[in-house]
């Protein structure tokens, strides 16, 4: 890939991230966002079908009888759920997925009510001398500036709440809420763009799965229905920052990482690595002995076993309103997927 082609792909994927991160997709509420995702990805696939649980199955086909490769990219994100509207007009909430308590206080949010979105801000109680200690989620409330009566006309218990987020573009890095897992969707579409019309003997299904942050239900049901010959779960992984162990984190700018685990398929994992390196695409590895914490852990045990590899994009500030990835790493992930597919169907 020439330098100009590399730069052009990075620009296209950055623009795609802008559109992906505009979509609210709190885990459990994916059906509200499925149509927006479908409209966005439809130009890159032969067909896009929504499942009963709000996942999208996006297909590219070589022909009948060709082996099927599943690329799973979960489409949900962390968020919150309205638990109670207090007499004073504040909202108490429960977490949906693993919120990072260090990054939640004073953040702007959107409550997705029956009549549209309501803006709010997460407030902590006055702590006095304990101001430096972390609040529990149960202590936090959302202020909207509305009375309980006004709020009750717009918001109901059970409604979704998402971060407003802090979108920014630093030199080479993209910051936003929902990068986990918009970055992976962008990389998968980038790979499809790089392949063009030649799928090298594969049929391909990209699954934008629901519920990874809570239950993996979208990956389980979607992969079960597809019953692919091979699967690659594409997600984000913890990037290396100050104070983290190098063997347990990923280097930003080093490309995607393949997980070695007792759950992942060794032959498939080795094939992804060797094909990327043969093509000159940087790629990393990480050992996650007992499990990867991704949809891949669930996919591999479906039917009589689906050979599965896990590919991760380095991400800083995971599960916060300011998740951060390198555009280079998304491009390199797209290239690694392309390299594997272009190597043919013999593993």
Protein backbone atom coordinates (compact mmCIF):
# COMPACT_ATOMS: atom_id res chain seq x y z
CA UNK A 1 0.00 0.00 0.00
CA UNK A 2 1.45 3.34 -1.04
CA UNK A 3 1.75 6.20 1.42
CA UNK A 4 -1.00 8.12 -0.37
CA UNK A 5 -3.35 5.10 -0.32
CA UNK A 6 -2.59 4.56 3.37
CA UNK A 7 -3.38 8.19 4.15
CA UNK A 8 -6.57 8.09 2.08
CA UNK A 9 -7.80 5.00 3.94
CA UNK A 10 -7.06 6.69 7.26
CA UNK A 11 -9.08 9.73 6.20
CA UNK A 12 -12.02 7.56 5.09
CA UNK A 13 -12.02 5.59 8.34
CA UNK A 14 -11.82 8.80 10.39
CA UNK A 15 -14.89 10.12 8.59
CA UNK A 16 -16.60 6.78 9.17
CA UNK A 17 -15.80 6.98 12.89
CA UNK A 18 -17.48 10.39 13.01
CA UNK A 19 -20.69 8.80 11.75
CA UNK A 20 -20.42 5.65 13.85
CA UNK A 21 -19.90 7.55 17.10
CA UNK A 22 -22.93 9.71 16.34
CA UNK A 23 -25.08 6.60 16.85
CA UNK A 24 -26.37 5.82 20.34
CA UNK A 25 -26.07 2.09 21.00
CA UNK A 26 -26.20 1.49 24.75
CA UNK A 27 -26.19 -2.25 25.41
CA UNK A 28 -29.74 -3.56 25.53
CA UNK A 29 -31.10 -0.76 23.34
CA UNK A 30 -29.51 -1.76 20.03
CA UNK A 31 -32.82 -2.09 18.22
CA UNK A 32 -33.13 1.69 18.52
CA UNK A 33 -29.89 2.12 16.58
CA UNK A 34 -30.04 -0.83 14.15
CA UNK A 35 -31.59 1.19 11.32
CA UNK A 36 -28.90 3.87 11.58
CA UNK A 37 -26.13 1.26 11.50
CA UNK A 38 -27.79 -0.55 8.59
CA UNK A 39 -27.97 2.62 6.51
CA UNK A 40 -24.32 3.35 7.22
CA UNK A 41 -22.89 -0.09 6.35
CA UNK A 42 -25.25 -1.13 3.54
CA UNK A 43 -23.10 0.30 0.69
CA UNK A 44 -20.27 -2.10 1.55
CA UNK A 45 -22.24 -5.38 1.55
CA UNK A 46 -24.50 -7.50 -0.64
CA UNK A 47 -27.13 -7.75 2.10
CA UNK A 48 -27.76 -6.46 5.62
CA UNK A 49 -30.33 -8.24 7.82
CA UNK A 50 -31.40 -7.33 11.36
CA UNK A 51 -31.81 -10.16 13.85
CA UNK A 52 -34.56 -10.31 16.51
CA UNK A 53 -32.05 -9.09 19.13
CA UNK A 54 -30.93 -6.03 17.18
CA UNK A 55 -27.71 -7.39 15.68
CA UNK A 56 -26.94 -6.87 12.00
CA UNK A 57 -25.68 -9.65 9.72
CA UNK A 58 -23.80 -8.05 6.81
CA UNK A 59 -22.84 -10.42 3.99
CA UNK A 60 -20.42 -10.45 1.08
CA UNK A 61 -20.52 -13.60 -1.03
CA UNK A 62 -18.20 -15.41 -3.43
CA UNK A 63 -20.65 -18.24 -4.09
CA UNK A 64 -22.42 -21.30 -2.75
CA UNK A 65 -20.17 -23.87 -1.13
CA UNK A 66 -17.38 -21.45 -0.24
CA UNK A 67 -16.22 -21.43 3.40
CA UNK A 68 -17.80 -18.76 5.59
CA UNK A 69 -15.65 -16.40 7.65
CA UNK A 70 -17.45 -14.55 10.44
CA UNK A 71 -16.02 -11.22 11.58
CA UNK A 72 -17.76 -10.27 14.83
CA UNK A 73 -17.74 -6.59 15.85
CA UNK A 74 -20.02 -5.82 18.76
CA UNK A 75 -22.09 -2.71 18.10
CA UNK A 76 -23.16 -1.89 21.66
CA UNK A 77 -21.49 0.41 24.16
CA UNK A 78 -21.53 0.96 27.89
CA UNK A 79 -24.10 3.30 29.38
CA UNK A 80 -26.72 3.56 32.09
CA UNK A 81 -30.41 2.90 32.72
CA UNK A 82 -32.91 5.13 34.52
CA UNK A 83 -33.66 3.51 37.88
CA UNK A 84 -35.65 6.23 39.65
CA UNK A 85 -36.85 9.82 39.28
CA UNK A 86 -36.57 11.53 42.67
CA UNK A 87 -39.03 14.02 44.13
CA UNK A 88 -36.44 16.74 43.55
CA UNK A 89 -36.29 15.97 39.82
CA UNK A 90 -33.00 14.11 39.70
CA UNK A 91 -32.41 10.76 38.03
CA UNK A 92 -30.87 7.81 39.81
CA UNK A 93 -29.40 5.22 37.50
CA UNK A 94 -27.90 1.77 37.22
CA UNK A 95 -24.82 0.94 35.14
CA UNK A 96 -25.11 -0.94 31.86
CA UNK A 97 -21.76 -2.61 31.38
CA UNK A 98 -18.55 -1.78 33.22
CA UNK A 99 -18.51 1.95 33.91
CA UNK A 100 -15.18 3.40 35.06
CA UNK A 101 -16.11 5.26 38.26
CA UNK A 102 -12.96 7.40 38.02
CA UNK A 103 -14.29 9.13 34.91
CA UNK A 104 -18.00 9.52 35.52
CA UNK A 105 -18.58 12.47 37.88
CA UNK A 106 -19.47 15.80 36.19
CA UNK A 107 -19.83 14.15 32.79
CA UNK A 108 -22.58 15.25 30.43
CA UNK A 109 -25.08 12.61 29.40
CA UNK A 110 -28.14 12.15 27.22
CA UNK A 111 -31.27 10.45 28.51
CA UNK A 112 -33.10 8.76 25.64
CA UNK A 113 -36.72 9.33 26.61
CA UNK A 114 -39.99 8.65 24.87
CA UNK A 115 -40.16 12.15 23.37
CA UNK A 116 -36.51 12.55 22.42
CA UNK A 117 -33.28 13.14 24.28
CA UNK A 118 -32.91 15.06 27.54
CA UNK A 119 -29.48 16.49 28.42
CA UNK A 120 -28.10 16.09 31.92
CA UNK A 121 -24.97 16.04 34.03
CA UNK A 122 -23.82 13.45 36.56
CA UNK A 123 -23.57 14.92 40.05
CA UNK A 124 -21.86 13.61 43.16
CA UNK A 125 -22.87 14.40 46.76
CA UNK A 126 -20.78 16.85 48.74
CA UNK A 127 -18.01 14.80 50.35
CA UNK A 128 -16.24 17.31 52.61
CA UNK A 129 -12.97 15.83 53.79
CA UNK A 130 -13.66 12.69 51.71
CA UNK A 131 -13.68 14.62 48.44
CA UNK A 132 -10.76 12.61 47.08
CA UNK A 133 -12.51 9.26 47.49
CA UNK A 134 -14.51 7.63 44.71
CA UNK A 135 -18.29 7.65 44.95
CA UNK A 136 -20.25 4.49 44.41
CA UNK A 137 -22.65 4.47 41.47
CA UNK A 138 -25.59 4.38 43.86
CA UNK A 139 -24.53 7.76 45.31
CA UNK A 140 -24.59 9.56 41.96
CA UNK A 141 -27.55 11.36 40.39
CA UNK A 142 -28.23 13.12 37.10
CA UNK A 143 -29.34 16.75 37.14
CA UNK A 144 -31.43 17.93 34.19
CA UNK A 145 -32.75 21.26 35.47
CA UNK A 146 -36.31 19.94 35.21
CA UNK A 147 -38.82 19.35 37.97
CA UNK A 148 -39.95 15.83 38.80
CA UNK A 149 -43.26 16.51 37.05
CA UNK A 150 -41.60 17.86 33.91
CA UNK A 151 -39.10 15.02 33.84
CA UNK A 152 -41.82 12.42 34.28
CA UNK A 153 -43.45 13.57 31.06
CA UNK A 154 -40.23 12.96 29.11
CA UNK A 155 -38.39 10.12 30.83
CA UNK A 156 -39.42 6.73 32.22
CA UNK A 157 -37.79 4.14 34.44
CA UNK A 158 -35.85 1.80 32.15
CA UNK A 159 -34.85 4.43 29.58
CA UNK A 160 -31.30 4.39 28.25
CA UNK A 161 -28.65 6.93 29.24
CA UNK A 162 -25.47 7.49 27.24
CA UNK A 163 -22.42 9.70 27.60
CA UNK A 164 -22.38 12.90 25.58
CA UNK A 165 -18.70 12.19 25.04
CA UNK A 166 -15.71 14.34 24.25
CA UNK A 167 -14.97 13.95 20.55
CA UNK A 168 -11.58 15.29 19.54
CA UNK A 169 -8.92 14.57 16.97
CA UNK A 170 -5.36 14.81 18.24
CA UNK A 171 -2.36 14.22 15.98
CA UNK A 172 -2.93 10.61 14.93
CA UNK A 173 -5.46 9.84 17.68
CA UNK A 174 -9.25 9.85 17.77
CA UNK A 175 -11.14 10.48 21.03
CA UNK A 176 -14.83 9.85 21.62
CA UNK A 177 -17.36 7.86 23.59
CA UNK A 178 -18.30 4.58 21.95
CA UNK A 179 -14.91 3.88 20.36
CA UNK A 180 -15.42 0.50 22.02
CA UNK A 181 -16.49 -0.77 19.55
CA UNK A 182 -16.91 1.71 16.67
CA UNK A 183 -13.18 1.34 15.98
CA UNK A 184 -13.65 -2.34 15.16
CA UNK A 185 -16.63 -1.71 12.88
CA UNK A 186 -14.55 0.87 11.01
CA UNK A 187 -11.65 -1.59 10.68
CA UNK A 188 -13.93 -4.34 9.34
CA UNK A 189 -15.40 -1.99 6.74
CA UNK A 190 -11.89 -0.84 5.87
CA UNK A 191 -10.91 -4.46 5.20
CA UNK A 192 -13.95 -4.92 2.95
CA UNK A 193 -12.96 -1.77 1.04
CA UNK A 194 -9.39 -3.04 0.60
CA UNK A 195 -10.62 -6.40 -0.72
CA UNK A 196 -12.73 -4.85 -3.44
CA UNK A 197 -14.58 -7.48 -5.48
CA UNK A 198 -12.14 -10.35 -4.80
CA UNK A 199 -12.91 -12.30 -1.60
CA UNK A 200 -10.28 -14.94 -2.45
CA UNK A 201 -12.69 -17.86 -2.17
CA UNK A 202 -14.39 -16.79 1.05
CA UNK A 203 -17.94 -15.91 1.88
CA UNK A 204 -17.82 -13.20 4.55
CA UNK A 205 -20.32 -12.21 7.22
CA UNK A 206 -19.62 -9.18 9.38
CA UNK A 207 -21.80 -9.42 12.49
CA UNK A 208 -22.54 -6.15 14.27
CA UNK A 209 -23.55 -7.96 17.43
CA UNK A 210 -25.68 -6.70 20.29
CA UNK A 211 -25.08 -7.11 23.99
CA UNK A 212 -21.34 -7.76 24.26
CA UNK A 213 -20.98 -5.35 27.17
CA UNK A 214 -23.56 -7.30 29.17
CA UNK A 215 -24.30 -10.84 27.96
CA UNK A 216 -22.73 -11.59 24.53
CA UNK A 217 -26.25 -12.51 23.42
CA UNK A 218 -25.89 -11.01 19.95
CA UNK A 219 -22.69 -12.90 19.18
CA UNK A 220 -24.09 -16.16 20.54
CA UNK A 221 -27.33 -16.03 18.58
CA UNK A 222 -25.82 -14.51 15.44
CA UNK A 223 -22.89 -16.90 15.23
CA UNK A 224 -25.16 -19.84 16.02
CA UNK A 225 -27.45 -18.91 13.13
CA UNK A 226 -24.55 -18.40 10.72
CA UNK A 227 -22.54 -21.48 11.82
CA UNK A 228 -19.35 -20.22 10.14
CA UNK A 229 -16.30 -22.29 9.29
CA UNK A 230 -14.05 -19.75 11.05
CA UNK A 231 -14.60 -16.67 13.17
CA UNK A 232 -12.56 -13.61 14.12
CA UNK A 233 -13.83 -11.54 17.05
CA UNK A 234 -12.72 -7.95 16.57
CA UNK A 235 -12.69 -5.69 19.63
CA UNK A 236 -10.51 -3.21 21.50
CA UNK A 237 -7.86 -4.07 24.09
CA UNK A 238 -6.09 -2.14 26.82
CA UNK A 239 -3.37 0.10 25.42
CA UNK A 240 -0.09 0.54 27.26
CA UNK A 241 0.03 3.61 29.49
CA UNK A 242 2.13 4.64 32.46
CA UNK A 243 1.97 2.10 35.26
CA UNK A 244 0.77 -0.86 33.18
CA UNK A 245 2.64 -4.09 32.48
CA UNK A 246 3.98 -4.39 28.94
CA UNK A 247 3.08 -8.09 28.75
CA UNK A 248 -0.58 -7.39 29.55
CA UNK A 249 -1.19 -4.36 27.34
CA UNK A 250 -0.91 -3.34 23.69
CA UNK A 251 1.41 -0.77 22.16
CA UNK A 252 -0.37 2.15 20.52
CA UNK A 253 0.82 2.39 16.92
CA UNK A 254 1.86 -1.26 16.84
CA UNK A 255 -1.19 -2.48 14.98
CA UNK A 256 -3.80 -4.97 16.10
CA UNK A 257 -3.04 -7.76 18.55
CA UNK A 258 -3.83 -11.47 18.33
CA UNK A 259 -4.74 -13.23 21.58
CA UNK A 260 -3.18 -16.54 22.58
CA UNK A 261 -5.61 -18.26 24.93
CA UNK A 262 -6.82 -21.74 25.85
CA UNK A 263 -10.07 -20.71 24.14
CA UNK A 264 -8.80 -19.32 20.85
CA UNK A 265 -7.87 -21.54 17.91
CA UNK A 266 -4.09 -21.81 17.54
CA UNK A 267 -3.99 -22.62 13.82
CA UNK A 268 -6.28 -19.73 12.91
CA UNK A 269 -4.43 -17.33 15.21
CA UNK A 270 -1.07 -18.34 13.72
CA UNK A 271 -2.46 -17.92 10.19
CA UNK A 272 -3.65 -14.36 10.86
CA UNK A 273 -0.25 -13.45 12.33
CA UNK A 274 1.87 -15.09 9.62
CA UNK A 275 -0.15 -13.65 6.74
CA UNK A 276 0.01 -10.14 8.17
CA UNK A 277 3.76 -10.35 8.74
CA UNK A 278 4.34 -11.81 5.27
CA UNK A 279 2.50 -8.81 3.83
CA UNK A 280 4.57 -6.39 5.93
CA UNK A 281 1.67 -5.40 8.20
CA UNK A 282 2.72 -4.75 11.83
CA UNK A 283 0.88 -6.96 14.31
CA UNK A 284 1.18 -7.73 18.03
CA UNK A 285 0.43 -10.70 20.26
CA UNK A 286 -0.81 -10.99 23.83
CA UNK A 287 -1.32 -13.95 26.16
CA UNK A 288 -4.77 -14.09 27.78
CA UNK A 289 -4.61 -17.56 29.20
CA UNK A 290 -8.09 -18.32 30.48
CA UNK A 291 -10.16 -16.00 28.27
CA UNK A 292 -10.13 -12.82 26.24
CA UNK A 293 -13.13 -10.97 27.67
CA UNK A 294 -14.62 -10.67 24.18
CA UNK A 295 -17.39 -12.25 22.14
CA UNK A 296 -14.80 -14.74 20.91
CA UNK A 297 -14.97 -16.61 24.22
CA UNK A 298 -18.63 -17.42 23.52
CA UNK A 299 -18.45 -18.02 19.76
CA UNK A 300 -15.83 -20.75 19.96
CA UNK A 301 -18.08 -23.15 21.91
CA UNK A 302 -21.15 -22.99 19.63
CA UNK A 303 -22.38 -26.05 17.72
CA UNK A 304 -19.52 -28.57 17.77
CA UNK A 305 -16.97 -25.76 18.05
CA UNK A 306 -16.16 -22.80 15.79
CA UNK A 307 -12.42 -22.12 15.33
CA UNK A 308 -12.07 -18.54 16.57
CA UNK A 309 -9.32 -15.93 16.78
CA UNK A 310 -9.48 -12.64 18.69
CA UNK A 311 -8.06 -9.47 17.16
CA UNK A 312 -7.82 -6.36 19.37
CA UNK A 313 -7.18 -2.67 18.62
CA UNK A 314 -5.19 -0.81 21.33
CA UNK A 315 -7.42 1.64 23.22
CA UNK A 316 -6.70 4.09 26.02
CA UNK A 317 -9.33 5.21 28.56
CA UNK A 318 -11.57 2.21 27.98
CA UNK A 319 -15.18 2.46 29.20
CA UNK A 320 -15.00 6.22 29.66
CA UNK A 321 -16.46 9.19 27.72
CA UNK A 322 -13.01 9.80 26.19
CA UNK A 323 -11.94 6.47 24.73
CA UNK A 324 -8.85 6.96 22.58
CA UNK A 325 -7.45 5.04 19.60
CA UNK A 326 -4.78 5.57 16.99
CA UNK A 327 -6.08 5.97 13.44
CA UNK A 328 -2.96 4.09 12.31
CA UNK A 329 -3.99 1.10 14.43
CA UNK A 330 -7.43 1.01 12.83
CA UNK A 331 -5.84 1.12 9.36
CA UNK A 332 -3.37 -1.62 10.32
CA UNK A 333 -6.20 -3.75 11.69
CA UNK A 334 -8.07 -3.39 8.40
CA UNK A 335 -4.90 -4.41 6.58
CA UNK A 336 -4.36 -7.45 8.82
CA UNK A 337 -7.90 -8.64 8.13
CA UNK A 338 -7.38 -8.07 4.40
CA UNK A 339 -4.06 -9.93 4.51
CA UNK A 340 -5.66 -12.94 6.18
CA UNK A 341 -8.58 -13.12 3.76
CA UNK A 342 -6.31 -12.59 0.75
CA UNK A 343 -4.23 -15.59 1.84
CA UNK A 344 -7.04 -17.92 0.85
CA UNK A 345 -9.21 -20.47 2.59
CA UNK A 346 -6.59 -23.10 3.46
CA UNK A 347 -5.65 -22.65 7.14
